[in-house]
């Protein structure tokens, strides 16, 4: 039945959920993903030897911009006052792990902003390195934590880390 879904009206048409009656509270979300690559590619990123420039600096800015543009990309996502965005990286032998943290004081959460920041940062890493490694893959995109709001705190269970070697 259409009325059971929050983003559908009683006739089954898409709608944006009404959050005007909700109180603005501090909310945070953390997302992570990985760009898998050849060890040589990871080493070149780490040592700044990618011909297009500083891969992680560009990917960081791309992730920050993406978080701010999320409602322009996802049709039913609320525009939020994004208070802060942090995009950080961990380089391992055969992948770059990306973590995005987004904070706001608003009426709805920033999970989609964190996931979008992570995704676009990963795509930027791919774009900047594709000339030397076309076999890269992007994976393990997941929400790791969210705080604030009516549903409270969520933290991804440790079993996910064990399953994916995270």
Protein backbone atom coordinates (compact mmCIF):
# COMPACT_ATOMS: atom_id res chain seq x y z
CA UNK A 1 0.00 0.00 0.00
CA UNK A 2 1.42 3.38 -1.07
CA UNK A 3 0.66 5.16 2.23
CA UNK A 4 3.15 2.89 4.06
CA UNK A 5 6.07 4.55 2.27
CA UNK A 6 7.24 7.92 3.56
CA UNK A 7 8.19 9.26 0.12
CA UNK A 8 4.86 8.38 -1.51
CA UNK A 9 1.58 10.22 -1.06
CA UNK A 10 -1.71 8.29 -0.59
CA UNK A 11 -2.04 8.00 -4.39
CA UNK A 12 1.44 6.51 -4.78
CA UNK A 13 3.07 9.67 -6.17
CA UNK A 14 6.58 10.69 -5.11
CA UNK A 15 6.75 13.42 -2.50
CA UNK A 16 9.28 15.03 -0.23
CA UNK A 17 8.67 14.15 3.42
CA UNK A 18 7.43 17.11 5.48
CA UNK A 19 10.00 17.88 8.20
CA UNK A 20 8.76 21.37 9.11
CA UNK A 21 7.34 20.25 12.47
CA UNK A 22 10.62 18.59 13.52
CA UNK A 23 13.03 20.36 15.83
CA UNK A 24 16.47 21.25 14.47
CA UNK A 25 19.11 19.22 16.30
CA UNK A 26 22.79 18.41 15.85
CA UNK A 27 23.23 15.51 13.44
CA UNK A 28 26.32 13.75 12.16
CA UNK A 29 26.95 10.98 9.67
CA UNK A 30 30.11 9.08 8.76
CA UNK A 31 30.45 7.04 5.56
CA UNK A 32 33.34 5.02 4.15
CA UNK A 33 34.29 3.34 0.91
CA UNK A 34 37.36 2.02 -0.87
CA UNK A 35 38.98 2.43 -4.25
CA UNK A 36 40.79 -0.83 -5.02
CA UNK A 37 43.81 -0.53 -7.31
CA UNK A 38 47.13 -2.00 -8.30
CA UNK A 39 49.81 -1.63 -5.60
CA UNK A 40 51.83 0.55 -8.00
CA UNK A 41 48.92 2.98 -8.25
CA UNK A 42 48.54 3.24 -4.49
CA UNK A 43 52.28 3.85 -4.17
CA UNK A 44 52.17 6.61 -6.80
CA UNK A 45 49.26 8.31 -5.01
CA UNK A 46 51.15 8.12 -1.71
CA UNK A 47 54.32 9.58 -3.19
CA UNK A 48 52.61 12.27 -5.25
CA UNK A 49 53.63 10.79 -8.61
CA UNK A 50 50.28 10.95 -10.42
CA UNK A 51 50.65 13.20 -13.47
CA UNK A 52 47.29 14.94 -12.96
CA UNK A 53 48.39 16.28 -9.58
CA UNK A 54 47.63 15.76 -5.90
CA UNK A 55 44.96 13.07 -6.07
CA UNK A 56 43.86 13.25 -2.45
CA UNK A 57 43.69 17.05 -2.33
CA UNK A 58 41.44 17.13 -5.39
CA UNK A 59 39.33 14.21 -4.12
CA UNK A 60 38.90 15.96 -0.75
CA UNK A 61 37.57 19.13 -2.39
CA UNK A 62 35.33 17.05 -4.68
CA UNK A 63 33.86 15.23 -1.67
CA UNK A 64 33.20 18.48 0.18
CA UNK A 65 31.52 20.00 -2.87
CA UNK A 66 29.46 16.83 -3.38
CA UNK A 67 28.11 16.91 0.18
CA UNK A 68 26.86 20.44 -0.43
CA UNK A 69 25.25 19.44 -3.75
CA UNK A 70 23.46 16.31 -2.53
CA UNK A 71 19.88 17.66 -2.84
CA UNK A 72 20.64 18.62 -6.45
CA UNK A 73 21.57 15.01 -7.20
CA UNK A 74 18.96 13.10 -5.18
CA UNK A 75 15.45 14.30 -6.03
CA UNK A 76 13.75 13.74 -2.66
CA UNK A 77 16.67 14.79 -0.46
CA UNK A 78 16.12 17.91 1.66
CA UNK A 79 18.46 20.88 1.21
CA UNK A 80 20.32 21.25 4.50
CA UNK A 81 22.61 23.80 6.04
CA UNK A 82 25.77 21.67 5.99
CA UNK A 83 27.82 22.82 8.96
CA UNK A 84 31.03 20.91 8.25
CA UNK A 85 32.44 18.25 5.97
CA UNK A 86 35.63 16.30 6.58
CA UNK A 87 36.99 13.93 3.94
CA UNK A 88 39.97 11.83 4.95
CA UNK A 89 41.98 9.06 3.34
CA UNK A 90 43.98 6.01 4.35
CA UNK A 91 46.31 4.55 1.75
CA UNK A 92 47.01 0.84 1.97
CA UNK A 93 48.91 -1.54 -0.33
CA UNK A 94 46.12 -2.00 -2.86
CA UNK A 95 43.39 0.51 -2.00
CA UNK A 96 42.58 3.97 -0.78
CA UNK A 97 39.98 4.09 1.97
CA UNK A 98 37.84 7.21 2.06
CA UNK A 99 35.94 8.46 5.07
CA UNK A 100 33.51 11.38 4.96
CA UNK A 101 31.98 13.01 8.03
CA UNK A 102 29.20 15.56 7.69
CA UNK A 103 27.65 17.63 10.49
CA UNK A 104 24.59 19.87 10.59
CA UNK A 105 22.06 21.40 12.92
CA UNK A 106 18.84 20.79 11.03
CA UNK A 107 15.55 18.86 10.92
CA UNK A 108 16.78 15.81 9.05
CA UNK A 109 19.95 13.74 8.88
CA UNK A 110 23.05 14.02 6.74
CA UNK A 111 23.52 10.35 5.84
CA UNK A 112 23.03 11.00 2.15
CA UNK A 113 25.48 13.91 2.23
CA UNK A 114 28.17 11.71 3.80
CA UNK A 115 27.54 8.87 1.33
CA UNK A 116 27.58 11.30 -1.60
CA UNK A 117 30.82 12.90 -0.40
CA UNK A 118 32.44 9.47 -0.16
CA UNK A 119 31.19 8.39 -3.58
CA UNK A 120 32.34 11.49 -5.40
CA UNK A 121 35.71 11.49 -3.66
CA UNK A 122 36.15 7.87 -4.80
CA UNK A 123 35.14 8.72 -8.36
CA UNK A 124 37.66 11.56 -8.31
CA UNK A 125 40.44 9.20 -7.23
CA UNK A 126 39.43 6.92 -10.10
CA UNK A 127 39.33 9.80 -12.59
CA UNK A 128 42.76 11.07 -11.62
CA UNK A 129 44.37 7.62 -11.81
CA UNK A 130 42.51 5.94 -14.69
CA UNK A 131 45.28 6.64 -17.20
CA UNK A 132 47.62 4.30 -15.31
CA UNK A 133 45.12 1.81 -13.83
CA UNK A 134 41.89 1.05 -15.67
CA UNK A 135 41.19 -1.98 -13.47
CA UNK A 136 40.40 0.05 -10.35
CA UNK A 137 37.11 -0.71 -8.63
CA UNK A 138 35.07 1.21 -6.07
CA UNK A 139 33.37 -0.72 -3.30
CA UNK A 140 32.25 -1.15 0.28
CA UNK A 141 30.32 2.13 0.36
CA UNK A 142 28.44 2.17 3.65
CA UNK A 143 27.10 4.38 6.38
CA UNK A 144 29.26 3.74 9.44
CA UNK A 145 27.68 6.03 11.96
CA UNK A 146 24.87 8.51 12.38
CA UNK A 147 23.89 10.51 15.43
CA UNK A 148 21.03 12.83 16.25
CA UNK A 149 17.41 12.91 15.32
CA UNK A 150 14.46 10.86 16.46
CA UNK A 151 16.03 7.51 15.56
CA UNK A 152 19.11 8.23 17.70
CA UNK A 153 22.54 6.75 17.18
CA UNK A 154 23.50 4.08 14.66
CA UNK A 155 26.91 2.45 14.50
CA UNK A 156 27.68 -0.28 11.99
CA UNK A 157 28.27 -3.59 13.74
CA UNK A 158 31.80 -4.95 13.99
CA UNK A 159 30.76 -7.98 11.88
CA UNK A 160 30.72 -5.74 8.77
CA UNK A 161 34.36 -4.79 9.39
CA UNK A 162 35.30 -8.45 9.80
CA UNK A 163 33.38 -9.52 6.68
CA UNK A 164 35.09 -6.96 4.46
CA UNK A 165 38.44 -6.89 6.25
CA UNK A 166 37.91 -3.31 7.35
